[in-house]
Amino acid sequence: MGILIFMPSEDIDTKVLAINSQLKAEMAKRGDNLKAVAKRAGLSYPAIRRYVAGEREMPIRVFLSLCAAIGVDPDDVLTRATEEQ
């Protein structure tokens, strides 16, 4: 059985925005754009755009696929997103 941690929804929203922002920063750092990353990840551009814009909650599988397509370790994205707060 896992550990349940309560986190106010505002904190979750802030963390999600930071993660999405970090994904965009990682793409920019590598000269990538969302369409190219979506194609490499095998995902539709409109769906990815909504996930990264924060319009839809991003499933963990999508997050991992995006990280792989960008060429960044998911742990690095999460660490950098936490550091920027």
C-alpha atoms as a PDB file:
ATOM      1  CA  MET A   1       0.000   0.000   0.000  1.00  0.00           C
ATOM      2  CA  GLY A   2       1.343   3.441  -0.954  1.00  0.00           C
ATOM      3  CA  ILE A   3       1.630   6.561   1.116  1.00  0.00           C
ATOM      4  CA  LEU A   4      -1.050   9.175   0.601  1.00  0.00           C
ATOM      5  CA  ILE A   5       0.102  12.777   0.711  1.00  0.00           C
ATOM      6  CA  PHE A   6      -2.390  15.601   0.811  1.00  0.00           C
ATOM      7  CA  MET A   7      -1.437  18.622  -1.244  1.00  0.00           C
ATOM      8  CA  PRO A   8      -3.740  21.614  -1.758  1.00  0.00           C
ATOM      9  CA  SER A   9      -4.890  21.904  -5.367  1.00  0.00           C
ATOM     10  CA  GLU A  10      -3.218  25.331  -5.724  1.00  0.00           C
ATOM     11  CA  ASP A  11       0.139  23.691  -4.960  1.00  0.00           C
ATOM     12  CA  ILE A  12      -0.537  20.972  -7.507  1.00  0.00           C
ATOM     13  CA  ASP A  13      -1.528  23.539 -10.135  1.00  0.00           C
ATOM     14  CA  THR A  14       1.669  25.492  -9.467  1.00  0.00           C
ATOM     15  CA  LYS A  15       3.793  22.358  -9.824  1.00  0.00           C
ATOM     16  CA  VAL A  16       2.030  21.303 -13.026  1.00  0.00           C
ATOM     17  CA  LEU A  17       2.634  24.744 -14.553  1.00  0.00           C
ATOM     18  CA  ALA A  18       6.293  24.581 -13.531  1.00  0.00           C
ATOM     19  CA  ILE A  19       6.692  21.128 -15.124  1.00  0.00           C
ATOM     20  CA  ASN A  20       4.996  22.271 -18.340  1.00  0.00           C
ATOM     21  CA  SER A  21       7.195  25.366 -18.393  1.00  0.00           C
ATOM     22  CA  GLN A  22      10.287  23.211 -17.933  1.00  0.00           C
ATOM     23  CA  LEU A  23       9.256  20.934 -20.798  1.00  0.00           C
ATOM     24  CA  LYS A  24       8.967  24.009 -23.030  1.00  0.00           C
ATOM     25  CA  ALA A  25      12.357  25.273 -21.829  1.00  0.00           C
ATOM     26  CA  GLU A  26      13.964  21.913 -22.588  1.00  0.00           C
ATOM     27  CA  MET A  27      12.510  21.987 -26.102  1.00  0.00           C
ATOM     28  CA  ALA A  28      13.739  25.541 -26.669  1.00  0.00           C
ATOM     29  CA  LYS A  29      17.210  24.662 -25.333  1.00  0.00           C
ATOM     30  CA  ARG A  30      17.449  21.943 -27.979  1.00  0.00           C
ATOM     31  CA  GLY A  31      15.954  24.054 -30.790  1.00  0.00           C
ATOM     32  CA  ASP A  32      12.853  21.867 -30.885  1.00  0.00           C
ATOM     33  CA  ASN A  33       9.273  22.832 -31.477  1.00  0.00           C
ATOM     34  CA  LEU A  34       6.105  21.184 -30.245  1.00  0.00           C
ATOM     35  CA  LYS A  35       5.103  19.775 -33.647  1.00  0.00           C
ATOM     36  CA  ALA A  36       8.441  18.005 -34.126  1.00  0.00           C
ATOM     37  CA  VAL A  37       8.412  16.646 -30.572  1.00  0.00           C
ATOM     38  CA  ALA A  38       4.816  15.427 -30.944  1.00  0.00           C
ATOM     39  CA  LYS A  39       5.730  13.640 -34.170  1.00  0.00           C
ATOM     40  CA  ARG A  40       8.791  11.950 -32.610  1.00  0.00           C
ATOM     41  CA  ALA A  41       6.694  10.936 -29.594  1.00  0.00           C
ATOM     42  CA  GLY A  42       4.027   9.479 -31.886  1.00  0.00           C
ATOM     43  CA  LEU A  43       1.370  11.753 -30.398  1.00  0.00           C
ATOM     44  CA  SER A  44      -0.963  14.263 -31.981  1.00  0.00           C
ATOM     45  CA  TYR A  45       0.136  17.883 -31.993  1.00  0.00           C
ATOM     46  CA  PRO A  46      -3.249  19.281 -30.847  1.00  0.00           C
ATOM     47  CA  ALA A  47      -3.318  16.976 -27.818  1.00  0.00           C
ATOM     48  CA  ILE A  48       0.297  17.748 -26.881  1.00  0.00           C
ATOM     49  CA  ARG A  49      -0.333  21.473 -27.258  1.00  0.00           C
ATOM     50  CA  ARG A  50      -3.249  21.234 -24.817  1.00  0.00           C
ATOM     51  CA  TYR A  51      -1.217  19.197 -22.332  1.00  0.00           C
ATOM     52  CA  VAL A  52       1.763  21.558 -22.383  1.00  0.00           C
ATOM     53  CA  ALA A  53      -0.501  24.625 -22.243  1.00  0.00           C
ATOM     54  CA  GLY A  54      -2.092  23.191 -19.108  1.00  0.00           C
ATOM     55  CA  GLU A  55      -5.521  22.914 -20.714  1.00  0.00           C
ATOM     56  CA  ARG A  56      -5.618  19.163 -20.013  1.00  0.00           C
ATOM     57  CA  GLU A  57      -3.958  17.030 -17.375  1.00  0.00           C
ATOM     58  CA  MET A  58      -0.953  15.231 -18.800  1.00  0.00           C
ATOM     59  CA  PRO A  59      -0.889  11.471 -18.197  1.00  0.00           C
ATOM     60  CA  ILE A  60       2.438  10.134 -16.951  1.00  0.00           C
ATOM     61  CA  ARG A  61       2.868   8.083 -20.144  1.00  0.00           C
ATOM     62  CA  VAL A  62       2.580  11.259 -22.218  1.00  0.00           C
ATOM     63  CA  PHE A  63       5.082  13.041 -19.958  1.00  0.00           C
ATOM     64  CA  LEU A  64       7.550  10.164 -20.326  1.00  0.00           C
ATOM     65  CA  SER A  65       7.028  10.025 -24.110  1.00  0.00           C
ATOM     66  CA  LEU A  66       7.636  13.762 -24.418  1.00  0.00           C
ATOM     67  CA  CYS A  67      10.792  13.552 -22.331  1.00  0.00           C
ATOM     68  CA  ALA A  68      12.086  10.725 -24.527  1.00  0.00           C
ATOM     69  CA  ALA A  69      11.237  12.660 -27.703  1.00  0.00           C
ATOM     70  CA  ILE A  70      12.988  15.765 -26.360  1.00  0.00           C
ATOM     71  CA  GLY A  71      15.957  13.720 -25.168  1.00  0.00           C
ATOM     72  CA  VAL A  72      15.798  14.731 -21.522  1.00  0.00           C
ATOM     73  CA  ASP A  73      15.644  12.618 -18.390  1.00  0.00           C
ATOM     74  CA  PRO A  74      12.220  12.949 -16.723  1.00  0.00           C
ATOM     75  CA  ASP A  75      13.922  13.256 -13.329  1.00  0.00           C
ATOM     76  CA  ASP A  76      15.870  16.269 -14.617  1.00  0.00           C
ATOM     77  CA  VAL A  77      12.665  17.945 -15.801  1.00  0.00           C
ATOM     78  CA  LEU A  78      11.033  17.424 -12.405  1.00  0.00           C
ATOM     79  CA  THR A  79      14.125  18.603 -10.505  1.00  0.00           C
ATOM     80  CA  ARG A  80      14.545  21.732 -12.626  1.00  0.00           C
ATOM     81  CA  ALA A  81      10.824  22.502 -12.393  1.00  0.00           C
ATOM     82  CA  THR A  82      11.027  22.279  -8.599  1.00  0.00           C
ATOM     83  CA  GLU A  83      14.145  24.461  -8.489  1.00  0.00           C
ATOM     84  CA  GLU A  84      12.494  27.234 -10.502  1.00  0.00           C
ATOM     85  CA  GLN A  85       9.762  27.710  -7.914  1.00  0.00           C
END
